[in-house]
Structure formats: C-alpha cells, structure tokens
Amino acid sequence: MSTLELLVNINNEDKTVPFAVERCIPQIEKLVDGIVERLSRGGRLFYLGAGTSGRLGILDASEIPPTFGAPFDLVIGLIAGGDKAIRRAVEAAEDSWEGGWNDMQQYGVDNDDIVVGIAASGTTPYVIGAVKESRSRGILTACVTCNPNSPLAAEVDIPIEAVVGPEFVTGSTRMKAGTAQKLVLNMITTSAMIRLGHVKGNKMVDMQLTNAKLVDRGTRMIMDEASISDYEQAKELLLTHGSVRKGVDFFKNQR
C-alpha cells in the first residue's frame, strides 16, 4: 500500500471502534454504579494490566486528580513489572498468576474497593489471578477486554467486552483494542466523577491549578458562574481559595 492507502485503511478500521464500545454501555453502566456506591463510602478503584493495557490504566488513573481534584489514591493503576514497565517491557512479568494480587497488597485492598482488570486478549495471568482472588474475597470485580468469552471475563462480576475484531497489523492490540479500552476507561471514570459531584454543568470545577492555562480557564469559569466582570478579581478568588468551586462559593456567601 501507499502511505495514503495505509492511512485510509487504518482510519477505516478505527471507525468501527466506537460501535464496539456502544454495545458495552449496559455493562459499563453497572460498573459505574458500583464504583460510585463504593467510592462514596471510602473505597478506591484499582486498574490492573500488562503492556499497553496496563499503561492505559495508569494513564486514566493519573489524570483523575488534576482533572477532578480527587485524591491521588482514589484511582490506582498497576502494571505487570512495576513502574519501570511503563516505559520498557518487562519480560514475563504478565505471566505471574500471583503478581497482580501481590502488587495490590501494599494498598490494603478491602471490600469497599473495586478491581478492574484490563487485557485486550482476556488471557493475561497477572490480571486474571488478581481479579479471581479479589472476587473470592467479596471485592467487586470487572474487566475491559476485546475478545469474547475470555478466561478473564469468566472470573469477574461485570465483564466489559468491546469486541473490535482483527487488528490492521495482526496482534497489535495497541491499535483498535487500545483505542476501545481508552474510550471505556474515559467513560468509567468521567461518569463516576460527574456522579460524585466533581463537575458542575460540564465544567471541571474541582480541577487542580497546575499551570497558567488552567488558572486562566478557572478564572473565566468563576467570572461566568459568579457573574464577575473583573478578571483580576475572579483570578484572586481562584488563587486564594484553590478551586473554582471554593472561589464561587466564597463569593456567593459574601453577597
């Protein structure tokens, strides 16, 4: 194929992914409701995966604190082989049936937590062993996989199976499968954070002010929400109180 043909055909394959995810919405709904219930009573959400799947879980977990102002230990991503595997593959780490559960022990996982295994193939021992042990202890378990009727799906309470079909490059699950997993994880945590009140309207009112762009965005949110025309006044409210929500609440309580 020419470069153009390659790109067009990859894009055509990618277009099928949202439809595969759409068919999973009833299962995603069950999981989100279970997550909201448990996080509301002090639980945490754990993602476990290997390779691309593990990296996607860590990516989603790492974006929750800055986006929604949630604690850093509310959503926890674990990858076979540890943090060094985020950048470089660790051979055979995913083949350990005990590895996932062992990695969770430092966090004192209990029945208020949720464990979600991520594996495109649905056959990764690191993930299957962790969800199986978790489920046996009464912990809510789910999975995000891209193969139907996988061993992983058989071991969880809520299986999410986004069946995307063969990859453009055979076996390269960083492509359609990875895209499907990313979409599902976005849906899970975004919906849960909205349900838990971290979003007002469609605005990230609890976001962390980690750079100038976000300070500017937060300032303009306060101007809009509190009907303040003075940019500097709104910015001072934001920086003094640390979030859009707290700045608006303080302003409204002073009126």
C-alpha atoms as a PDB file:
ATOM      1  CA  MET A   1       0.000   0.000   0.000  1.00  0.00           C
ATOM      2  CA  SER A   2       0.979   3.610  -0.492  1.00  0.00           C
ATOM      3  CA  THR A   3       1.191   5.902   2.539  1.00  0.00           C
ATOM      4  CA  LEU A   4      -2.242   7.290   1.699  1.00  0.00           C
ATOM      5  CA  GLU A   5      -3.736   3.809   1.397  1.00  0.00           C
ATOM      6  CA  LEU A   6      -2.218   2.809   4.740  1.00  0.00           C
ATOM      7  CA  LEU A   7      -3.677   5.830   6.490  1.00  0.00           C
ATOM      8  CA  VAL A   8      -7.122   5.488   4.920  1.00  0.00           C
ATOM      9  CA  ASN A   9      -7.349   1.806   5.807  1.00  0.00           C
ATOM     10  CA  ILE A  10      -6.154   2.301   9.391  1.00  0.00           C
ATOM     11  CA  ASN A  11      -8.715   5.068   9.740  1.00  0.00           C
ATOM     12  CA  ASN A  12     -11.468   2.835   8.333  1.00  0.00           C
ATOM     13  CA  GLU A  13     -10.661   0.217  10.941  1.00  0.00           C
ATOM     14  CA  ASP A  14     -10.600   2.824  13.703  1.00  0.00           C
ATOM     15  CA  LYS A  15     -14.098   3.994  12.749  1.00  0.00           C
ATOM     16  CA  THR A  16     -15.516   0.658  13.902  1.00  0.00           C
ATOM     17  CA  VAL A  17     -14.269   1.023  17.480  1.00  0.00           C
ATOM     18  CA  PRO A  18     -16.974   3.337  18.927  1.00  0.00           C
ATOM     19  CA  PHE A  19     -19.661   0.922  17.737  1.00  0.00           C
ATOM     20  CA  ALA A  20     -17.985  -1.930  19.595  1.00  0.00           C
ATOM     21  CA  VAL A  21     -17.870   0.235  22.726  1.00  0.00           C
ATOM     22  CA  GLU A  22     -21.509   1.266  22.289  1.00  0.00           C
ATOM     23  CA  ARG A  23     -22.598  -2.356  22.624  1.00  0.00           C
ATOM     24  CA  CYS A  24     -20.919  -2.431  26.056  1.00  0.00           C
ATOM     25  CA  ILE A  25     -22.813   0.505  27.585  1.00  0.00           C
ATOM     26  CA  PRO A  26     -25.195  -1.636  29.730  1.00  0.00           C
ATOM     27  CA  GLN A  27     -22.212  -3.341  31.372  1.00  0.00           C
ATOM     28  CA  ILE A  28     -20.329  -0.072  31.755  1.00  0.00           C
ATOM     29  CA  GLU A  29     -23.411   1.371  33.461  1.00  0.00           C
ATOM     30  CA  LYS A  30     -23.414  -1.462  36.004  1.00  0.00           C
ATOM     31  CA  LEU A  31     -19.759  -0.876  36.745  1.00  0.00           C
ATOM     32  CA  VAL A  32     -20.093   2.900  37.107  1.00  0.00           C
ATOM     33  CA  ASP A  33     -22.993   2.488  39.525  1.00  0.00           C
ATOM     34  CA  GLY A  34     -20.938   0.026  41.567  1.00  0.00           C
ATOM     35  CA  ILE A  35     -17.940   2.348  41.558  1.00  0.00           C
ATOM     36  CA  VAL A  36     -19.974   5.364  42.676  1.00  0.00           C
ATOM     37  CA  GLU A  37     -21.519   3.387  45.520  1.00  0.00           C
ATOM     38  CA  ARG A  38     -18.146   2.182  46.791  1.00  0.00           C
ATOM     39  CA  LEU A  39     -16.189   5.398  46.304  1.00  0.00           C
ATOM     40  CA  SER A  40     -18.944   7.201  48.215  1.00  0.00           C
ATOM     41  CA  ARG A  41     -18.171   5.073  51.251  1.00  0.00           C
ATOM     42  CA  GLY A  42     -14.399   5.421  51.066  1.00  0.00           C
ATOM     43  CA  GLY A  43     -13.439   2.777  48.544  1.00  0.00           C
ATOM     44  CA  ARG A  44     -10.886   3.012  45.749  1.00  0.00           C
ATOM     45  CA  LEU A  45     -10.756   1.943  42.119  1.00  0.00           C
ATOM     46  CA  PHE A  46      -7.877  -0.312  41.057  1.00  0.00           C
ATOM     47  CA  TYR A  47      -6.838  -0.909  37.450  1.00  0.00           C
ATOM     48  CA  LEU A  48      -4.549  -3.841  36.658  1.00  0.00           C
ATOM     49  CA  GLY A  49      -2.990  -4.632  33.304  1.00  0.00           C
ATOM     50  CA  ALA A  50       0.144  -5.554  31.401  1.00  0.00           C
ATOM     51  CA  GLY A  51       1.797  -3.784  28.485  1.00  0.00           C
ATOM     52  CA  THR A  52      -0.479  -1.354  26.623  1.00  0.00           C
ATOM     53  CA  SER A  53      -3.443  -2.283  28.817  1.00  0.00           C
ATOM     54  CA  GLY A  54      -1.505  -1.531  31.988  1.00  0.00           C
ATOM     55  CA  ARG A  55      -0.254   1.774  30.615  1.00  0.00           C
ATOM     56  CA  LEU A  56      -3.791   2.834  29.688  1.00  0.00           C
ATOM     57  CA  GLY A  57      -4.975   2.112  33.227  1.00  0.00           C
ATOM     58  CA  ILE A  58      -2.134   4.149  34.704  1.00  0.00           C
ATOM     59  CA  LEU A  59      -2.840   6.990  32.274  1.00  0.00           C
ATOM     60  CA  ASP A  60      -6.503   7.130  33.269  1.00  0.00           C
ATOM     61  CA  ALA A  61      -5.704   6.926  36.977  1.00  0.00           C
ATOM     62  CA  SER A  62      -3.055   9.653  36.768  1.00  0.00           C
ATOM     63  CA  GLU A  63      -5.458  12.113  35.150  1.00  0.00           C
ATOM     64  CA  ILE A  64      -8.154  11.923  37.836  1.00  0.00           C
ATOM     65  CA  PRO A  65      -6.506  14.167  40.489  1.00  0.00           C
ATOM     66  CA  PRO A  66      -5.674  17.122  38.204  1.00  0.00           C
ATOM     67  CA  THR A  67      -8.961  16.918  36.286  1.00  0.00           C
ATOM     68  CA  PHE A  68     -11.351  16.393  39.168  1.00  0.00           C
ATOM     69  CA  GLY A  69      -9.415  17.410  42.280  1.00  0.00           C
ATOM     70  CA  ALA A  70      -9.738  13.869  43.653  1.00  0.00           C
ATOM     71  CA  PRO A  71      -7.120  12.314  45.969  1.00  0.00           C
ATOM     72  CA  PHE A  72      -4.143  10.656  44.283  1.00  0.00           C
ATOM     73  CA  ASP A  73      -5.019   7.303  45.838  1.00  0.00           C
ATOM     74  CA  LEU A  74      -8.661   7.243  44.720  1.00  0.00           C
ATOM     75  CA  VAL A  75      -7.902   5.583  41.369  1.00  0.00           C
ATOM     76  CA  ILE A  76      -4.777   3.418  41.330  1.00  0.00           C
ATOM     77  CA  GLY A  77      -3.185   1.916  38.226  1.00  0.00           C
ATOM     78  CA  LEU A  78      -0.897  -1.108  38.490  1.00  0.00           C
ATOM     79  CA  ILE A  79       1.137  -2.647  35.683  1.00  0.00           C
ATOM     80  CA  ALA A  80       2.860  -6.016  35.485  1.00  0.00           C
ATOM     81  CA  GLY A  81       6.562  -5.443  36.085  1.00  0.00           C
ATOM     82  CA  GLY A  82       6.085  -2.291  38.152  1.00  0.00           C
ATOM     83  CA  ASP A  83       6.607   1.329  37.206  1.00  0.00           C
ATOM     84  CA  LYS A  84       9.660   0.577  35.050  1.00  0.00           C
ATOM     85  CA  ALA A  85       7.327  -1.346  32.722  1.00  0.00           C
ATOM     86  CA  ILE A  86       5.535   1.903  31.863  1.00  0.00           C
ATOM     87  CA  ARG A  87       8.395   2.811  29.506  1.00  0.00           C
ATOM     88  CA  ARG A  88      10.036  -0.517  28.765  1.00  0.00           C
ATOM     89  CA  ALA A  89       8.564  -4.017  28.584  1.00  0.00           C
ATOM     90  CA  VAL A  90       9.485  -6.329  31.456  1.00  0.00           C
ATOM     91  CA  GLU A  91       9.776  -9.870  30.175  1.00  0.00           C
ATOM     92  CA  ALA A  92       7.432 -12.498  31.612  1.00  0.00           C
ATOM     93  CA  ALA A  93       6.011 -10.138  34.254  1.00  0.00           C
ATOM     94  CA  GLU A  94       2.489 -10.653  32.931  1.00  0.00           C
ATOM     95  CA  ASP A  95       2.808 -14.450  33.236  1.00  0.00           C
ATOM     96  CA  SER A  96       2.661 -14.480  37.042  1.00  0.00           C
ATOM     97  CA  TRP A  97      -0.704 -15.632  38.389  1.00  0.00           C
ATOM     98  CA  GLU A  98       0.116 -14.184  41.815  1.00  0.00           C
ATOM     99  CA  GLY A  99       1.777 -10.959  40.665  1.00  0.00           C
ATOM    100  CA  GLY A 100      -1.305  -8.777  40.381  1.00  0.00           C
ATOM    101  CA  TRP A 101      -2.718  -9.712  43.776  1.00  0.00           C
ATOM    102  CA  ASN A 102       0.718  -9.362  45.365  1.00  0.00           C
ATOM    103  CA  ASP A 103       1.115  -5.859  43.915  1.00  0.00           C
ATOM    104  CA  MET A 104      -2.226  -4.851  45.430  1.00  0.00           C
ATOM    105  CA  GLN A 105      -1.239  -5.880  48.954  1.00  0.00           C
ATOM    106  CA  GLN A 106       0.699  -2.680  49.665  1.00  0.00           C
ATOM    107  CA  TYR A 107      -2.615  -0.794  49.385  1.00  0.00           C
ATOM    108  CA  GLY A 108      -4.579  -2.918  51.848  1.00  0.00           C
ATOM    109  CA  VAL A 109      -7.377  -3.651  49.375  1.00  0.00           C
ATOM    110  CA  ASP A 110     -10.741  -4.457  51.002  1.00  0.00           C
ATOM    111  CA  ASN A 111     -14.447  -4.935  50.259  1.00  0.00           C
ATOM    112  CA  ASP A 112     -15.110  -1.252  49.670  1.00  0.00           C
ATOM    113  CA  ASP A 113     -12.697  -1.244  46.714  1.00  0.00           C
ATOM    114  CA  ILE A 114     -13.261  -2.115  43.050  1.00  0.00           C
ATOM    115  CA  VAL A 115     -10.801  -4.058  40.922  1.00  0.00           C
ATOM    116  CA  VAL A 116     -10.875  -3.737  37.130  1.00  0.00           C
ATOM    117  CA  GLY A 117      -8.639  -5.987  35.049  1.00  0.00           C
ATOM    118  CA  ILE A 118      -7.627  -4.658  31.634  1.00  0.00           C
ATOM    119  CA  ALA A 119      -6.416  -7.117  28.998  1.00  0.00           C
ATOM    120  CA  ALA A 120      -7.131  -6.985  25.278  1.00  0.00           C
ATOM    121  CA  SER A 121      -6.750 -10.755  24.899  1.00  0.00           C
ATOM    122  CA  GLY A 122      -8.506 -11.606  28.144  1.00  0.00           C
ATOM    123  CA  THR A 123      -5.847 -14.226  28.879  1.00  0.00           C
ATOM    124  CA  THR A 124      -3.195 -12.357  30.898  1.00  0.00           C
ATOM    125  CA  PRO A 125      -2.323 -14.364  34.072  1.00  0.00           C
ATOM    126  CA  TYR A 126      -1.238 -11.250  36.026  1.00  0.00           C
ATOM    127  CA  VAL A 127      -4.711  -9.818  35.578  1.00  0.00           C
ATOM    128  CA  ILE A 128      -6.792 -12.985  35.839  1.00  0.00           C
ATOM    129  CA  GLY A 129      -5.111 -14.060  39.064  1.00  0.00           C
ATOM    130  CA  ALA A 130      -5.749 -10.669  40.670  1.00  0.00           C
ATOM    131  CA  VAL A 131      -9.440 -10.442  39.805  1.00  0.00           C
ATOM    132  CA  LYS A 132     -10.056 -14.066  40.745  1.00  0.00           C
ATOM    133  CA  GLU A 133      -8.519 -13.598  44.189  1.00  0.00           C
ATOM    134  CA  SER A 134     -10.326 -10.272  44.649  1.00  0.00           C
ATOM    135  CA  ARG A 135     -13.695 -11.746  43.741  1.00  0.00           C
ATOM    136  CA  SER A 136     -13.198 -14.668  46.105  1.00  0.00           C
ATOM    137  CA  ARG A 137     -12.850 -12.096  48.902  1.00  0.00           C
ATOM    138  CA  GLY A 138     -16.080 -10.304  48.055  1.00  0.00           C
ATOM    139  CA  ILE A 139     -14.483  -7.385  46.206  1.00  0.00           C
ATOM    140  CA  LEU A 140     -16.409  -6.080  43.182  1.00  0.00           C
ATOM    141  CA  THR A 141     -14.533  -7.023  40.019  1.00  0.00           C
ATOM    142  CA  ALA A 142     -14.819  -6.105  36.354  1.00  0.00           C
ATOM    143  CA  CYS A 143     -12.742  -6.345  33.215  1.00  0.00           C
ATOM    144  CA  VAL A 144     -12.177  -4.478  29.978  1.00  0.00           C
ATOM    145  CA  THR A 145     -11.255  -6.878  27.210  1.00  0.00           C
ATOM    146  CA  CYS A 146     -11.579  -7.113  23.435  1.00  0.00           C
ATOM    147  CA  ASN A 147     -12.098 -10.858  22.972  1.00  0.00           C
ATOM    148  CA  PRO A 148     -15.480 -12.537  23.517  1.00  0.00           C
ATOM    149  CA  ASN A 149     -15.907 -15.219  26.183  1.00  0.00           C
ATOM    150  CA  SER A 150     -12.364 -14.898  27.506  1.00  0.00           C
ATOM    151  CA  PRO A 151     -10.947 -16.534  30.653  1.00  0.00           C
ATOM    152  CA  LEU A 152     -10.724 -13.062  32.211  1.00  0.00           C
ATOM    153  CA  ALA A 153     -14.393 -12.306  31.590  1.00  0.00           C
ATOM    154  CA  ALA A 154     -15.328 -15.608  33.249  1.00  0.00           C
ATOM    155  CA  GLU A 155     -13.633 -14.549  36.505  1.00  0.00           C
ATOM    156  CA  VAL A 156     -15.276 -11.140  37.098  1.00  0.00           C
ATOM    157  CA  ASP A 157     -18.641  -9.830  38.245  1.00  0.00           C
ATOM    158  CA  ILE A 158     -19.010  -7.358  35.383  1.00  0.00           C
ATOM    159  CA  PRO A 159     -17.338  -8.259  32.069  1.00  0.00           C
ATOM    160  CA  ILE A 160     -16.967  -5.436  29.534  1.00  0.00           C
ATOM    161  CA  GLU A 161     -16.111  -6.996  26.180  1.00  0.00           C
ATOM    162  CA  ALA A 162     -15.503  -4.444  23.416  1.00  0.00           C
ATOM    163  CA  VAL A 163     -15.014  -6.863  20.528  1.00  0.00           C
ATOM    164  CA  VAL A 164     -13.213  -4.857  17.861  1.00  0.00           C
ATOM    165  CA  GLY A 165     -12.134  -7.701  15.578  1.00  0.00           C
ATOM    166  CA  PRO A 166      -8.727  -8.311  13.970  1.00  0.00           C
ATOM    167  CA  GLU A 167      -6.181  -5.513  14.045  1.00  0.00           C
ATOM    168  CA  PHE A 168      -4.813  -3.800  10.933  1.00  0.00           C
ATOM    169  CA  VAL A 169      -1.436  -5.215  11.948  1.00  0.00           C
ATOM    170  CA  THR A 170      -2.238  -8.657  13.276  1.00  0.00           C
ATOM    171  CA  GLY A 171      -1.930  -8.862  17.052  1.00  0.00           C
ATOM    172  CA  SER A 172      -1.034  -5.178  17.529  1.00  0.00           C
ATOM    173  CA  THR A 173      -3.556  -4.509  20.271  1.00  0.00           C
ATOM    174  CA  ARG A 174      -2.174  -1.006  20.800  1.00  0.00           C
ATOM    175  CA  MET A 175      -4.405  -0.103  17.847  1.00  0.00           C
ATOM    176  CA  LYS A 176      -8.167  -0.818  17.837  1.00  0.00           C
ATOM    177  CA  ALA A 177      -8.156  -2.709  21.128  1.00  0.00           C
ATOM    178  CA  GLY A 178      -6.145   0.027  22.845  1.00  0.00           C
ATOM    179  CA  THR A 179      -8.477   2.692  21.464  1.00  0.00           C
ATOM    180  CA  ALA A 180     -11.525   0.790  22.704  1.00  0.00           C
ATOM    181  CA  GLN A 181     -10.003   0.351  26.162  1.00  0.00           C
ATOM    182  CA  LYS A 182      -9.146   4.052  26.351  1.00  0.00           C
ATOM    183  CA  LEU A 183     -12.713   5.015  25.409  1.00  0.00           C
ATOM    184  CA  VAL A 184     -14.181   2.670  28.020  1.00  0.00           C
ATOM    185  CA  LEU A 185     -11.873   3.915  30.783  1.00  0.00           C
ATOM    186  CA  ASN A 186     -12.744   7.516  29.885  1.00  0.00           C
ATOM    187  CA  MET A 187     -16.429   6.664  30.210  1.00  0.00           C
ATOM    188  CA  ILE A 188     -15.998   4.851  33.517  1.00  0.00           C
ATOM    189  CA  THR A 189     -14.083   7.481  35.454  1.00  0.00           C
ATOM    190  CA  THR A 190     -15.636  10.561  33.856  1.00  0.00           C
ATOM    191  CA  SER A 191     -19.161   9.298  34.573  1.00  0.00           C
ATOM    192  CA  ALA A 192     -18.203   8.312  38.110  1.00  0.00           C
ATOM    193  CA  MET A 193     -16.624  11.691  38.857  1.00  0.00           C
ATOM    194  CA  ILE A 194     -19.683  13.503  37.482  1.00  0.00           C
ATOM    195  CA  ARG A 195     -21.977  11.335  39.622  1.00  0.00           C
ATOM    196  CA  LEU A 196     -19.814  12.128  42.652  1.00  0.00           C
ATOM    197  CA  GLY A 197     -20.236  15.868  42.085  1.00  0.00           C
ATOM    198  CA  HIS A 198     -16.808  16.860  40.759  1.00  0.00           C
ATOM    199  CA  VAL A 199     -18.334  18.517  37.684  1.00  0.00           C
ATOM    200  CA  LYS A 200     -20.885  21.338  37.594  1.00  0.00           C
ATOM    201  CA  GLY A 201     -22.749  21.657  34.321  1.00  0.00           C
ATOM    202  CA  ASN A 202     -19.945  20.447  32.096  1.00  0.00           C
ATOM    203  CA  LYS A 203     -17.173  22.324  33.889  1.00  0.00           C
ATOM    204  CA  MET A 204     -14.261  20.882  35.899  1.00  0.00           C
ATOM    205  CA  VAL A 205     -14.891  22.987  38.989  1.00  0.00           C
ATOM    206  CA  ASP A 206     -12.523  20.946  41.189  1.00  0.00           C
ATOM    207  CA  MET A 207      -9.568  20.802  38.770  1.00  0.00           C
ATOM    208  CA  GLN A 208      -6.078  21.438  40.120  1.00  0.00           C
ATOM    209  CA  LEU A 209      -4.398  24.687  39.130  1.00  0.00           C
ATOM    210  CA  THR A 210      -1.213  23.143  37.788  1.00  0.00           C
ATOM    211  CA  ASN A 211      -0.343  25.632  35.036  1.00  0.00           C
ATOM    212  CA  ALA A 212      -1.142  29.076  33.670  1.00  0.00           C
ATOM    213  CA  LYS A 213      -3.628  27.713  31.139  1.00  0.00           C
ATOM    214  CA  LEU A 214      -5.714  26.095  33.861  1.00  0.00           C
ATOM    215  CA  VAL A 215      -5.543  29.196  36.064  1.00  0.00           C
ATOM    216  CA  ASP A 216      -6.897  31.217  33.146  1.00  0.00           C
ATOM    217  CA  ARG A 217      -9.617  28.645  32.464  1.00  0.00           C
ATOM    218  CA  GLY A 218     -10.602  28.572  36.138  1.00  0.00           C
ATOM    219  CA  THR A 219     -10.680  32.356  36.312  1.00  0.00           C
ATOM    220  CA  ARG A 220     -13.070  32.519  33.379  1.00  0.00           C
ATOM    221  CA  MET A 221     -15.263  29.830  34.952  1.00  0.00           C
ATOM    222  CA  ILE A 222     -15.572  31.962  38.092  1.00  0.00           C
ATOM    223  CA  MET A 223     -16.365  35.042  36.019  1.00  0.00           C
ATOM    224  CA  ASP A 224     -19.138  33.133  34.275  1.00  0.00           C
ATOM    225  CA  GLU A 225     -20.555  31.311  37.291  1.00  0.00           C
ATOM    226  CA  ALA A 226     -20.422  34.261  39.697  1.00  0.00           C
ATOM    227  CA  SER A 227     -21.232  36.938  37.088  1.00  0.00           C
ATOM    228  CA  ILE A 228     -17.974  38.788  37.795  1.00  0.00           C
ATOM    229  CA  SER A 229     -16.744  41.121  35.051  1.00  0.00           C
ATOM    230  CA  ASP A 230     -13.358  41.857  36.635  1.00  0.00           C
ATOM    231  CA  TYR A 231     -10.806  39.227  35.512  1.00  0.00           C
ATOM    232  CA  GLU A 232      -8.308  40.066  38.277  1.00  0.00           C
ATOM    233  CA  GLN A 233     -10.978  39.814  40.978  1.00  0.00           C
ATOM    234  CA  ALA A 234     -12.009  36.402  39.718  1.00  0.00           C
ATOM    235  CA  LYS A 235      -8.380  35.268  39.496  1.00  0.00           C
ATOM    236  CA  GLU A 236      -7.727  36.367  43.074  1.00  0.00           C
ATOM    237  CA  LEU A 237     -10.752  34.374  44.245  1.00  0.00           C
ATOM    238  CA  LEU A 238      -9.450  31.330  42.388  1.00  0.00           C
ATOM    239  CA  LEU A 239      -5.892  31.511  43.699  1.00  0.00           C
ATOM    240  CA  THR A 240      -6.930  32.373  47.252  1.00  0.00           C
ATOM    241  CA  HIS A 241      -9.385  29.511  47.586  1.00  0.00           C
ATOM    242  CA  GLY A 242      -7.679  26.956  45.356  1.00  0.00           C
ATOM    243  CA  SER A 243     -10.544  25.854  43.118  1.00  0.00           C
ATOM    244  CA  VAL A 244     -13.384  27.196  41.013  1.00  0.00           C
ATOM    245  CA  ARG A 245     -15.954  25.652  43.344  1.00  0.00           C
ATOM    246  CA  LYS A 246     -14.494  27.161  46.523  1.00  0.00           C
ATOM    247  CA  GLY A 247     -13.962  30.554  44.914  1.00  0.00           C
ATOM    248  CA  VAL A 248     -17.560  30.757  43.693  1.00  0.00           C
ATOM    249  CA  ASP A 249     -18.952  29.511  46.996  1.00  0.00           C
ATOM    250  CA  PHE A 250     -16.974  32.111  48.943  1.00  0.00           C
ATOM    251  CA  PHE A 251     -18.062  34.924  46.618  1.00  0.00           C
ATOM    252  CA  LYS A 252     -21.726  33.963  46.785  1.00  0.00           C
ATOM    253  CA  ASN A 253     -21.660  33.601  50.572  1.00  0.00           C
ATOM    254  CA  GLN A 254     -20.254  37.122  50.920  1.00  0.00           C
ATOM    255  CA  ARG A 255     -23.072  38.721  48.949  1.00  0.00           C
END
